[in-house]
N, C-alpha and C. Protein backbone atom coordinates (compact mmCIF):
# COMPACT_ATOMS: atom_id res chain seq x y z
N MET A 1 172.25 60.06 80.68
CA MET A 1 171.01 59.51 80.37
C MET A 1 171.16 58.06 80.40
N LYS A 2 169.92 57.31 81.01
CA LYS A 2 169.85 56.03 81.09
C LYS A 2 169.88 55.22 80.00
N LEU A 3 170.52 54.37 79.78
CA LEU A 3 170.65 53.65 78.54
C LEU A 3 169.26 52.52 78.42
N PRO A 4 168.60 52.77 77.33
CA PRO A 4 167.28 51.91 77.41
C PRO A 4 167.56 50.42 77.29
N ASP A 5 166.47 49.52 77.65
CA ASP A 5 166.69 48.32 77.52
C ASP A 5 165.27 47.68 77.48
N PRO A 6 165.21 46.98 76.11
CA PRO A 6 166.10 47.04 74.96
C PRO A 6 166.38 48.41 74.36
N ILE A 7 167.28 48.38 73.60
CA ILE A 7 167.89 49.44 72.73
C ILE A 7 166.89 49.17 71.20
N ARG A 8 165.79 49.98 71.18
CA ARG A 8 165.24 49.84 69.73
C ARG A 8 165.49 50.62 68.95
N ALA A 9 165.58 49.98 67.62
CA ALA A 9 166.13 50.72 66.25
C ALA A 9 165.13 50.54 65.23
N VAL A 10 164.99 51.58 64.55
CA VAL A 10 164.23 51.47 63.28
C VAL A 10 165.50 51.78 62.15
N ALA A 11 165.22 50.86 61.04
CA ALA A 11 166.08 50.94 59.82
C ALA A 11 165.37 52.01 58.75
N PHE A 12 166.31 52.73 58.13
CA PHE A 12 165.86 53.84 57.17
C PHE A 12 166.96 53.50 55.99
N PHE A 13 166.32 52.88 54.73
CA PHE A 13 166.99 52.43 53.82
C PHE A 13 166.92 53.56 52.63
N ASP A 14 168.01 53.78 52.09
CA ASP A 14 168.03 54.99 50.66
C ASP A 14 168.31 53.83 49.69
N GLY A 15 167.30 53.42 49.19
CA GLY A 15 167.89 52.15 48.36
C GLY A 15 168.78 52.48 47.37
N GLN A 16 168.85 53.62 46.63
CA GLN A 16 169.73 53.86 45.61
C GLN A 16 171.32 54.11 46.20
N ASN A 17 171.05 54.85 47.18
CA ASN A 17 172.39 55.09 47.67
C ASN A 17 173.05 53.67 48.12
N LEU A 18 172.27 52.72 48.83
CA LEU A 18 172.91 51.67 49.24
C LEU A 18 173.47 50.66 48.15
N PHE A 19 172.66 50.71 46.91
CA PHE A 19 173.08 50.00 45.69
C PHE A 19 174.35 50.58 45.38
N HIS A 20 174.49 51.96 45.09
CA HIS A 20 175.58 52.23 44.56
C HIS A 20 176.90 51.99 45.29
N CYS A 21 176.90 51.99 46.76
CA CYS A 21 177.98 51.80 47.79
C CYS A 21 178.23 50.35 47.50
N ALA A 22 177.18 49.61 47.55
CA ALA A 22 177.36 48.11 47.35
C ALA A 22 178.26 47.68 46.16
N LYS A 23 177.87 48.64 44.96
CA LYS A 23 178.32 48.32 43.73
C LYS A 23 179.84 48.45 43.74
N LYS A 24 180.45 49.84 44.32
CA LYS A 24 181.69 50.18 44.51
C LYS A 24 182.29 49.35 45.42
N ALA A 25 181.73 48.83 46.51
CA ALA A 25 182.72 48.05 47.50
C ALA A 25 182.92 46.42 47.26
N PHE A 26 181.56 45.98 46.80
CA PHE A 26 181.45 44.83 46.43
C PHE A 26 181.43 44.26 44.89
N GLY A 27 181.18 45.06 44.15
CA GLY A 27 181.05 44.80 42.54
C GLY A 27 179.58 44.35 42.21
N TYR A 28 178.94 44.24 42.95
CA TYR A 28 177.46 43.86 42.56
C TYR A 28 176.89 44.81 41.51
N SER A 29 176.23 44.30 40.21
CA SER A 29 175.66 45.29 39.42
C SER A 29 174.10 45.58 39.42
N PHE A 30 173.52 45.15 40.32
CA PHE A 30 171.99 45.38 40.70
C PHE A 30 172.01 45.20 42.33
N PRO A 31 170.76 45.86 42.62
CA PRO A 31 170.40 45.99 44.09
C PRO A 31 169.85 44.37 44.41
N ASN A 32 171.00 43.56 45.04
CA ASN A 32 170.64 42.37 45.44
C ASN A 32 170.44 42.26 46.72
N TYR A 33 170.11 43.17 47.72
CA TYR A 33 170.02 43.30 49.19
C TYR A 33 168.67 43.05 49.58
N ASP A 34 168.60 42.30 50.56
CA ASP A 34 167.37 41.99 51.14
C ASP A 34 167.16 42.98 52.47
N PRO A 35 166.39 43.95 52.49
CA PRO A 35 166.59 45.15 53.38
C PRO A 35 166.33 44.46 54.71
N ASP A 36 165.18 43.83 54.83
CA ASP A 36 164.57 43.07 56.09
C ASP A 36 165.50 42.33 57.05
N ALA A 37 166.22 41.45 56.17
CA ALA A 37 167.42 40.66 56.42
C ALA A 37 168.83 41.39 57.02
N LEU A 38 169.19 42.28 56.18
CA LEU A 38 170.47 43.24 56.43
C LEU A 38 170.11 44.12 57.69
N ALA A 39 168.86 44.58 58.11
CA ALA A 39 168.66 45.54 59.03
C ALA A 39 168.72 44.54 60.18
N LYS A 40 168.14 43.23 60.19
CA LYS A 40 168.10 42.51 61.35
C LYS A 40 169.54 41.98 61.55
N ALA A 41 170.36 41.75 60.80
CA ALA A 41 171.90 41.33 60.63
C ALA A 41 172.30 42.34 61.49
N ILE A 42 172.36 43.73 61.00
CA ILE A 42 173.38 44.75 61.57
C ILE A 42 172.86 44.99 63.04
N CYS A 43 171.39 44.86 63.28
CA CYS A 43 170.98 45.07 64.77
C CYS A 43 171.38 43.93 65.71
N ALA A 44 171.33 42.89 65.25
CA ALA A 44 171.83 41.45 65.84
C ALA A 44 173.32 41.82 66.43
N GLU A 45 174.22 42.19 65.47
CA GLU A 45 175.47 42.50 65.80
C GLU A 45 175.84 43.60 66.88
N LYS A 46 175.03 44.63 66.73
CA LYS A 46 174.95 45.78 67.67
C LYS A 46 174.12 45.30 69.04
N GLY A 47 173.61 44.42 69.14
CA GLY A 47 172.85 44.25 70.01
C GLY A 47 171.34 45.09 70.25
N TRP A 48 170.85 45.52 69.11
CA TRP A 48 169.69 46.17 69.39
C TRP A 48 168.47 45.51 68.81
N GLN A 49 167.53 45.83 69.20
CA GLN A 49 166.20 45.30 68.87
C GLN A 49 165.57 45.90 67.43
N CYS A 50 165.30 45.15 66.75
CA CYS A 50 164.87 46.00 65.23
C CYS A 50 163.39 46.13 65.19
N SER A 51 162.93 47.13 65.22
CA SER A 51 161.51 47.54 65.56
C SER A 51 160.90 48.03 64.39
N GLY A 52 161.34 47.99 63.41
CA GLY A 52 160.89 48.36 62.04
C GLY A 52 161.89 48.58 60.84
N VAL A 53 161.68 48.51 59.81
CA VAL A 53 162.40 48.69 58.65
C VAL A 53 161.55 49.31 57.51
N ARG A 54 161.98 50.69 56.89
CA ARG A 54 161.45 51.46 56.09
C ARG A 54 162.44 51.69 54.81
N PHE A 55 162.17 51.54 53.93
CA PHE A 55 162.71 51.63 52.39
C PHE A 55 162.26 52.85 51.59
N TYR A 56 163.15 53.58 51.13
CA TYR A 56 162.96 54.50 50.27
C TYR A 56 163.75 54.70 48.93
N THR A 57 162.99 54.81 47.83
CA THR A 57 163.75 54.76 46.49
C THR A 57 162.86 55.74 45.43
N GLY A 58 163.40 56.13 44.46
CA GLY A 58 162.87 56.73 43.14
C GLY A 58 162.71 55.47 42.13
N VAL A 59 161.79 55.62 41.41
CA VAL A 59 161.21 54.57 40.41
C VAL A 59 160.75 55.45 39.32
N PRO A 60 161.65 54.94 38.00
CA PRO A 60 161.54 55.66 36.91
C PRO A 60 160.07 55.23 36.19
N ASP A 61 159.54 56.13 35.52
CA ASP A 61 158.38 55.89 34.68
C ASP A 61 158.58 54.62 33.69
N PRO A 62 157.64 53.92 33.46
CA PRO A 62 157.80 52.90 32.53
C PRO A 62 157.96 53.23 31.13
N GLY A 63 157.78 54.44 31.00
CA GLY A 63 158.05 54.73 29.43
C GLY A 63 159.45 55.48 29.21
N ASP A 64 160.28 55.57 30.62
CA ASP A 64 161.42 56.25 30.46
C ASP A 64 162.33 54.80 30.80
N ASN A 65 162.19 53.82 31.56
CA ASN A 65 162.92 52.69 31.89
C ASN A 65 161.89 51.64 32.29
N ALA A 66 161.57 51.00 31.39
CA ALA A 66 160.72 49.86 31.67
C ALA A 66 161.04 48.89 32.69
N PHE A 67 162.62 48.44 32.29
CA PHE A 67 163.33 47.34 33.01
C PHE A 67 163.07 47.49 34.55
N TRP A 68 163.80 49.19 34.83
CA TRP A 68 164.04 49.36 36.15
C TRP A 68 162.66 49.63 36.89
N ASN A 69 161.56 50.32 36.26
CA ASN A 69 160.36 50.15 36.80
C ASN A 69 159.93 49.11 37.34
N HIS A 70 159.91 48.19 36.19
CA HIS A 70 159.45 46.66 36.50
C HIS A 70 160.07 45.96 37.70
N PHE A 71 161.26 46.19 37.86
CA PHE A 71 162.46 45.76 39.09
C PHE A 71 161.95 46.39 40.29
N TRP A 72 162.07 47.62 40.24
CA TRP A 72 161.50 48.38 41.63
C TRP A 72 159.91 48.12 42.14
N VAL A 73 159.09 48.04 41.00
CA VAL A 73 157.47 47.65 41.53
C VAL A 73 157.61 46.34 42.24
N ALA A 74 158.13 45.54 41.45
CA ALA A 74 157.92 44.05 41.86
C ALA A 74 158.78 43.85 43.32
N LYS A 75 159.76 44.11 43.27
CA LYS A 75 160.87 44.29 44.78
C LYS A 75 160.08 45.05 45.69
N GLY A 76 159.71 46.16 45.39
CA GLY A 76 158.91 46.84 46.33
C GLY A 76 157.70 46.07 47.02
N ALA A 77 156.91 45.56 45.90
CA ALA A 77 155.69 44.88 46.47
C ALA A 77 156.12 43.48 47.48
N GLN A 78 157.21 42.82 47.07
CA GLN A 78 157.66 41.70 48.09
C GLN A 78 158.30 42.52 49.36
N MET A 79 158.94 43.71 49.25
CA MET A 79 159.23 44.19 50.62
C MET A 79 158.03 44.31 51.34
N GLY A 80 156.93 44.97 50.88
CA GLY A 80 155.79 45.19 51.44
C GLY A 80 155.21 43.77 52.20
N ARG A 81 155.33 42.57 51.23
CA ARG A 81 154.80 41.57 52.09
C ARG A 81 155.45 41.12 53.31
N ASP A 82 156.91 41.63 53.03
CA ASP A 82 157.70 41.26 54.22
C ASP A 82 157.64 42.01 55.42
N GLY A 83 156.80 42.87 55.50
CA GLY A 83 156.55 44.13 56.49
C GLY A 83 157.18 45.22 56.43
N VAL A 84 157.86 45.76 55.23
CA VAL A 84 158.79 46.76 55.23
C VAL A 84 157.78 47.71 54.75
N HIS A 85 158.08 48.80 55.19
CA HIS A 85 157.33 50.21 54.66
C HIS A 85 158.29 50.69 53.78
N VAL A 86 157.37 50.97 52.65
CA VAL A 86 158.01 51.19 51.32
C VAL A 86 157.57 52.55 50.74
N TYR A 87 158.45 53.38 50.60
CA TYR A 87 157.85 54.83 50.26
C TYR A 87 158.97 54.95 48.73
N THR A 88 157.82 55.38 47.57
CA THR A 88 158.70 55.63 46.44
C THR A 88 158.54 56.96 46.02
N ARG A 89 159.43 57.44 45.01
CA ARG A 89 158.87 58.85 44.20
C ARG A 89 159.32 58.28 42.72
N ALA A 90 158.83 59.18 41.90
CA ALA A 90 158.98 58.95 40.48
C ALA A 90 160.29 59.86 40.35
N LEU A 91 161.13 59.20 39.42
CA LEU A 91 162.20 59.60 39.19
C LEU A 91 162.08 60.70 37.83
N ARG A 92 162.86 61.92 38.14
CA ARG A 92 162.55 62.92 37.25
C ARG A 92 164.03 63.26 36.18
N TYR A 93 163.70 62.69 35.02
CA TYR A 93 164.94 62.50 34.26
C TYR A 93 165.24 64.31 33.46
N ARG A 94 166.68 64.37 33.56
CA ARG A 94 167.02 65.75 33.15
C ARG A 94 168.24 65.44 32.02
N ASN A 95 168.42 66.38 31.31
CA ASN A 95 169.60 66.19 29.95
C ASN A 95 170.87 66.65 31.00
N LYS A 96 171.77 66.10 30.86
CA LYS A 96 172.98 66.33 31.69
C LYS A 96 174.25 66.26 30.68
N THR A 97 175.25 67.15 30.65
CA THR A 97 176.13 67.06 29.45
C THR A 97 177.82 67.08 30.25
N ILE A 98 178.38 66.09 29.88
CA ILE A 98 179.91 66.05 30.14
C ILE A 98 180.90 66.56 28.98
N LYS A 99 181.97 67.30 29.60
CA LYS A 99 182.77 67.54 28.76
C LYS A 99 183.94 67.33 29.01
N PHE A 100 184.64 66.44 28.04
CA PHE A 100 185.89 65.87 27.95
C PHE A 100 186.98 66.92 27.88
N PRO A 101 188.48 66.04 28.26
CA PRO A 101 189.63 66.87 28.06
C PRO A 101 189.71 67.35 26.65
N ASP A 102 189.46 66.60 25.40
CA ASP A 102 189.52 67.07 24.20
C ASP A 102 188.67 68.26 23.75
N GLY A 103 187.49 68.77 24.46
CA GLY A 103 186.59 69.68 24.16
C GLY A 103 185.40 68.82 23.63
N SER A 104 185.45 67.66 23.36
CA SER A 104 184.09 66.99 23.30
C SER A 104 183.05 67.01 23.95
N GLU A 105 181.98 66.58 23.79
CA GLU A 105 180.77 66.34 24.77
C GLU A 105 180.00 65.67 24.69
N HIS A 106 179.42 65.06 25.68
CA HIS A 106 178.30 63.80 25.64
C HIS A 106 177.08 64.30 26.59
N SER A 107 176.01 63.96 25.89
CA SER A 107 174.65 64.29 26.70
C SER A 107 174.21 63.23 26.87
N PHE A 108 173.11 63.07 27.91
CA PHE A 108 172.52 61.89 28.29
C PHE A 108 171.56 62.25 29.33
N LEU A 109 170.42 61.58 29.50
CA LEU A 109 169.35 61.42 30.51
C LEU A 109 169.95 60.97 31.73
N ASP A 110 169.66 61.71 32.94
CA ASP A 110 170.01 61.28 34.48
C ASP A 110 168.89 61.31 35.21
N GLY A 111 168.53 60.41 35.69
CA GLY A 111 167.48 60.33 36.71
C GLY A 111 167.69 60.98 38.05
N ASP A 112 166.76 61.71 38.40
CA ASP A 112 167.10 62.68 39.59
C ASP A 112 166.03 62.30 40.73
N GLU A 113 166.81 61.92 42.00
CA GLU A 113 165.71 61.35 42.74
C GLU A 113 165.36 62.32 43.95
N LYS A 114 165.24 63.36 43.46
CA LYS A 114 164.63 64.87 44.30
C LYS A 114 163.94 64.38 45.30
N GLY A 115 163.84 64.66 46.55
CA GLY A 115 162.78 64.48 47.81
C GLY A 115 163.19 63.24 48.36
N ILE A 116 163.92 62.24 47.86
CA ILE A 116 164.15 60.87 48.88
C ILE A 116 164.71 61.33 50.42
N ASP A 117 165.78 62.26 49.98
CA ASP A 117 166.56 62.56 51.36
C ASP A 117 165.64 63.52 52.54
N VAL A 118 164.98 64.29 51.62
CA VAL A 118 163.98 65.01 52.53
C VAL A 118 162.95 64.07 53.36
N ARG A 119 162.31 63.11 52.44
CA ARG A 119 161.51 62.50 53.09
C ARG A 119 161.90 61.45 54.21
N ILE A 120 163.24 60.92 54.10
CA ILE A 120 163.87 60.50 55.32
C ILE A 120 164.02 61.29 56.52
N ALA A 121 164.63 62.41 56.25
CA ALA A 121 164.97 63.15 57.12
C ALA A 121 163.73 63.40 58.17
N LEU A 122 162.28 63.88 57.25
CA LEU A 122 161.22 63.99 57.92
C LEU A 122 160.75 62.89 58.80
N ASP A 123 160.85 61.73 58.22
CA ASP A 123 160.40 60.56 58.92
C ASP A 123 161.23 60.28 60.41
N VAL A 124 162.54 60.40 60.09
CA VAL A 124 163.39 60.17 61.18
C VAL A 124 163.05 61.03 62.53
N ILE A 125 162.87 62.15 61.98
CA ILE A 125 162.41 63.17 62.99
C ILE A 125 160.88 62.95 63.80
N ARG A 126 160.27 62.62 62.85
CA ARG A 126 158.61 62.48 63.28
C ARG A 126 158.74 61.20 64.10
N LEU A 127 159.38 60.16 63.87
CA LEU A 127 159.41 58.91 64.67
C LEU A 127 160.24 59.01 65.85
N ALA A 128 160.89 60.17 65.85
CA ALA A 128 161.97 60.34 67.13
C ALA A 128 160.88 61.16 68.12
N HIS A 129 159.97 62.12 67.55
CA HIS A 129 158.93 62.60 68.44
C HIS A 129 157.85 61.61 68.76
N GLU A 130 157.84 60.72 68.30
CA GLU A 130 156.63 59.63 68.52
C GLU A 130 157.12 58.46 69.63
N ASP A 131 158.43 58.76 69.83
CA ASP A 131 159.02 57.51 70.80
C ASP A 131 159.29 56.28 70.02
N ALA A 132 159.34 56.16 68.81
CA ALA A 132 159.40 54.97 68.00
C ALA A 132 160.44 54.21 67.97
N TYR A 133 161.57 54.57 68.37
CA TYR A 133 163.00 53.99 68.40
C TYR A 133 163.85 54.74 69.20
N ASP A 134 165.19 54.03 69.67
CA ASP A 134 165.97 54.67 70.21
C ASP A 134 167.18 55.09 69.38
N VAL A 135 167.42 53.98 67.98
CA VAL A 135 168.38 54.32 67.34
C VAL A 135 167.71 54.36 65.98
N ALA A 136 168.18 55.64 65.27
CA ALA A 136 167.71 55.70 63.72
C ALA A 136 168.96 55.13 62.86
N LEU A 137 168.70 53.86 62.43
CA LEU A 137 169.67 53.21 61.55
C LEU A 137 169.53 53.62 60.16
N LEU A 138 170.32 54.62 59.73
CA LEU A 138 170.42 54.79 58.26
C LEU A 138 171.25 54.05 57.40
N PHE A 139 170.72 53.06 56.23
CA PHE A 139 171.54 52.91 55.38
C PHE A 139 171.84 53.59 54.21
N CYS A 140 172.66 54.65 54.58
CA CYS A 140 172.76 55.56 53.73
C CYS A 140 174.26 56.39 54.12
N ARG A 141 174.67 57.10 53.08
CA ARG A 141 176.15 57.74 53.43
C ARG A 141 175.85 59.26 53.03
N ASP A 142 174.54 59.79 52.67
CA ASP A 142 174.15 61.11 52.34
C ASP A 142 174.66 62.12 53.32
N GLN A 143 175.49 62.79 53.21
CA GLN A 143 176.07 63.90 54.07
C GLN A 143 175.10 65.00 54.47
N ASP A 144 173.94 65.20 53.45
CA ASP A 144 172.95 66.20 53.60
C ASP A 144 172.00 65.80 55.06
N LEU A 145 171.97 64.45 55.26
CA LEU A 145 171.56 63.96 56.31
C LEU A 145 172.32 64.26 57.95
N SER A 146 173.41 64.86 57.91
CA SER A 146 173.97 65.06 59.18
C SER A 146 173.15 65.91 59.73
N GLU A 147 172.71 66.88 59.26
CA GLU A 147 171.71 67.93 59.94
C GLU A 147 170.61 67.27 60.96
N VAL A 148 170.33 65.90 60.23
CA VAL A 148 169.20 65.14 61.25
C VAL A 148 169.83 64.89 62.46
N ALA A 149 171.08 64.37 62.61
CA ALA A 149 171.72 63.94 63.84
C ALA A 149 171.74 65.03 64.67
N GLU A 150 172.11 66.13 64.40
CA GLU A 150 171.77 67.54 65.32
C GLU A 150 170.22 67.74 65.73
N GLU A 151 169.60 67.19 65.09
CA GLU A 151 168.40 67.51 65.32
C GLU A 151 167.72 66.63 66.55
N LEU A 152 168.51 65.44 66.36
CA LEU A 152 167.92 64.31 67.42
C LEU A 152 168.56 64.58 68.57
N ARG A 153 169.80 65.05 68.77
CA ARG A 153 170.36 65.62 69.91
C ARG A 153 169.65 66.38 70.37
N THR A 154 168.99 67.47 69.85
CA THR A 154 168.08 68.49 70.41
C THR A 154 166.78 67.57 71.11
N ILE A 155 166.11 66.58 70.32
CA ILE A 155 165.15 66.01 70.88
C ILE A 155 165.60 65.20 71.98
N SER A 156 166.59 64.61 71.87
CA SER A 156 166.91 63.56 73.25
C SER A 156 167.44 64.63 74.45
N GLN A 157 167.85 65.73 74.26
CA GLN A 157 167.82 67.04 75.24
C GLN A 157 166.66 67.23 75.83
N GLU A 158 165.66 67.47 74.96
CA GLU A 158 164.34 68.15 75.27
C GLU A 158 163.84 66.84 75.90
N ARG A 159 163.63 65.73 75.44
CA ARG A 159 162.84 64.59 76.12
C ARG A 159 163.56 63.99 77.29
N LYS A 160 164.74 64.03 77.49
CA LYS A 160 165.51 63.81 78.78
C LYS A 160 165.69 62.09 78.41
N ARG A 161 166.12 61.63 77.03
CA ARG A 161 165.93 60.43 76.93
C ARG A 161 167.16 60.08 75.90
N TRP A 162 167.64 58.92 76.00
CA TRP A 162 168.67 58.30 74.96
C TRP A 162 168.34 58.18 73.88
N ILE A 163 169.05 58.69 72.70
CA ILE A 163 168.67 58.53 71.35
C ILE A 163 169.78 58.95 70.58
N LYS A 164 170.13 58.26 69.36
CA LYS A 164 171.14 58.51 68.52
C LYS A 164 170.99 57.90 67.06
N MET A 165 171.82 58.44 66.13
CA MET A 165 171.60 58.09 64.79
C MET A 165 172.59 57.31 64.39
N ALA A 166 172.62 56.00 63.47
CA ALA A 166 173.92 55.51 63.22
C ALA A 166 173.74 55.53 61.52
N SER A 167 174.78 55.59 60.96
CA SER A 167 175.19 55.27 59.40
C SER A 167 175.81 54.19 59.13
N ALA A 168 175.02 53.16 58.29
CA ALA A 168 175.69 51.97 58.10
C ALA A 168 175.77 52.00 56.63
N TYR A 169 176.91 51.28 55.76
CA TYR A 169 177.41 51.39 54.55
C TYR A 169 178.26 50.38 54.28
N PRO A 170 178.32 49.94 53.06
CA PRO A 170 179.14 48.73 52.48
C PRO A 170 180.53 49.21 52.59
N HIS A 171 181.56 48.22 53.07
CA HIS A 171 182.80 48.67 53.15
C HIS A 171 183.84 47.43 52.90
N SER A 172 184.69 48.07 51.96
CA SER A 172 185.85 47.02 51.58
C SER A 172 187.18 47.51 51.57
N PRO A 173 188.39 46.75 51.38
CA PRO A 173 189.41 47.50 50.79
C PRO A 173 189.60 48.33 49.65
N ALA A 174 189.02 48.24 48.85
CA ALA A 174 188.67 49.01 47.67
C ALA A 174 188.05 49.91 47.85
N PHE A 175 187.06 49.98 48.83
CA PHE A 175 185.84 51.25 48.84
C PHE A 175 186.01 51.60 50.54
N LYS A 176 187.18 52.41 50.87
CA LYS A 176 187.23 52.79 52.35
C LYS A 176 186.74 54.24 52.13
N VAL A 177 185.24 54.49 53.04
CA VAL A 177 184.57 55.40 52.94
C VAL A 177 184.03 55.96 54.46
N ARG A 178 183.60 57.22 54.68
CA ARG A 178 183.14 57.41 55.88
C ARG A 178 181.55 57.47 55.85
N GLY A 179 181.04 57.35 56.89
CA GLY A 179 179.49 57.47 57.32
C GLY A 179 179.05 58.84 57.15
N ILE A 180 177.65 58.84 57.50
CA ILE A 180 177.07 60.40 57.58
C ILE A 180 177.89 60.99 58.82
N ASN A 181 178.25 62.17 58.86
CA ASN A 181 179.07 62.97 59.85
C ASN A 181 178.06 63.33 61.12
N LYS A 182 178.47 63.23 62.13
CA LYS A 182 177.77 63.32 63.46
C LYS A 182 176.83 62.01 63.73
N THR A 183 177.46 61.15 63.19
CA THR A 183 176.53 59.91 63.53
C THR A 183 177.42 58.84 63.87
N ASP A 184 177.01 57.55 64.56
CA ASP A 184 177.78 56.45 64.75
C ASP A 184 177.96 55.95 63.34
N TRP A 185 179.19 55.33 63.05
CA TRP A 185 179.67 54.91 61.72
C TRP A 185 179.46 53.14 61.87
N VAL A 186 178.64 52.46 61.10
CA VAL A 186 178.52 51.03 61.28
C VAL A 186 179.17 50.58 59.68
N PRO A 187 180.08 50.34 59.47
CA PRO A 187 180.79 49.81 58.29
C PRO A 187 180.16 48.18 58.00
N ILE A 188 179.70 47.83 56.98
CA ILE A 188 179.10 46.47 56.68
C ILE A 188 180.06 45.82 55.74
N GLU A 189 180.59 44.63 56.37
CA GLU A 189 181.37 43.91 55.75
C GLU A 189 180.85 42.95 54.64
N ARG A 190 181.63 42.66 53.71
CA ARG A 190 181.17 41.58 52.52
C ARG A 190 180.36 40.50 53.15
N ALA A 191 181.05 39.85 54.46
CA ALA A 191 180.38 38.92 54.73
C ALA A 191 179.04 38.55 55.31
N THR A 192 178.72 40.11 55.94
CA THR A 192 177.37 40.32 56.52
C THR A 192 176.37 40.64 55.14
N TYR A 193 177.08 41.39 54.33
CA TYR A 193 176.10 41.71 53.15
C TYR A 193 175.72 40.23 52.66
N ASP A 194 176.74 39.71 52.32
CA ASP A 194 176.62 38.40 51.46
C ASP A 194 175.42 37.55 52.02
N LYS A 195 175.15 37.49 53.56
CA LYS A 195 174.37 36.74 54.23
C LYS A 195 172.74 37.23 54.22
N CYS A 196 172.89 38.34 53.51
CA CYS A 196 171.53 38.96 53.40
C CYS A 196 170.93 39.43 52.01
N LEU A 197 171.36 38.53 50.82
CA LEU A 197 171.18 38.65 49.68
C LEU A 197 169.56 38.09 49.59
N ASP A 198 169.00 38.89 48.40
CA ASP A 198 167.42 38.70 47.86
C ASP A 198 168.01 37.80 46.76
N THR A 199 167.48 36.40 46.76
CA THR A 199 167.59 35.89 45.53
C THR A 199 166.70 35.47 44.72
N ARG A 200 165.54 36.51 45.05
CA ARG A 200 164.25 36.36 43.96
C ARG A 200 164.86 37.12 42.73
N ASP A 201 164.06 36.92 41.46
CA ASP A 201 164.48 37.58 40.39
C ASP A 201 163.21 38.46 40.03
N TYR A 202 163.64 39.87 40.06
CA TYR A 202 162.54 40.71 39.80
C TYR A 202 162.70 41.47 38.59
N ARG A 203 163.41 40.88 37.37
CA ARG A 203 163.57 41.53 36.08
C ARG A 203 162.34 40.83 35.62
N PRO A 204 162.14 41.58 34.33
CA PRO A 204 160.50 41.34 33.85
C PRO A 204 161.05 40.09 33.01
N LYS A 205 159.82 39.34 32.76
CA LYS A 205 160.10 38.26 32.01
C LYS A 205 160.16 38.39 30.55
N LYS A 206 160.96 37.55 29.78
CA LYS A 206 161.20 37.70 28.40
C LYS A 206 159.92 36.95 27.74
N PRO A 207 159.38 37.67 26.66
CA PRO A 207 158.20 37.15 26.10
C PRO A 207 158.71 35.53 25.43
N GLN A 208 157.94 34.72 25.32
CA GLN A 208 157.87 33.16 25.12
C GLN A 208 157.74 33.49 23.60
N ILE A 209 158.77 32.86 22.85
CA ILE A 209 158.87 32.74 21.31
C ILE A 209 157.88 31.33 21.06
N SER A 210 157.01 31.47 20.10
CA SER A 210 156.25 30.25 19.86
C SER A 210 156.74 29.66 18.62
N ASN A 211 156.93 28.44 18.50
CA ASN A 211 157.54 27.68 17.32
C ASN A 211 156.32 27.69 16.04
């Protein structure tokens, strides 16, 4: 099939997946990336035209976790102003129990992002049918999405046009991992990641104490 010129890419960010990968690879303790800048940087490295940025994340209810609710609502609003399409879902908290070797147990509430990967998959396939991109660039390592790559191959054959899926993820000597199976892997080195940091502070402001 003829290679398109330019090669249009749409970036799909799994916000939580990228955060946890960056934490393990680079040691960052909060989601400090700028999706728009990071998508454009990776596209520039690959010689692709960045044709859109889409961001997906679960957001806790303020009654469950006021800090992260404020953080993601504020960061999401800024991303929207930057032209990023933002999709959020409410986190569902469930009790989980860990058993230790000595027989003791520890129970805790854990947030469940149920539905985010499904929404990404649906949007990747829908936009492929709409001829919105040539490359679906996923900032994610969720292997559940490998089946989407197979679907894109079918669409490519049916439409007789060049189309593929790529998986971008933080990579370091301490965090050597794989991308999504059946996709092109795009390791993100620290130098590239650090050029795309979001320096804004989305943490809730502490109340002023009057004298």
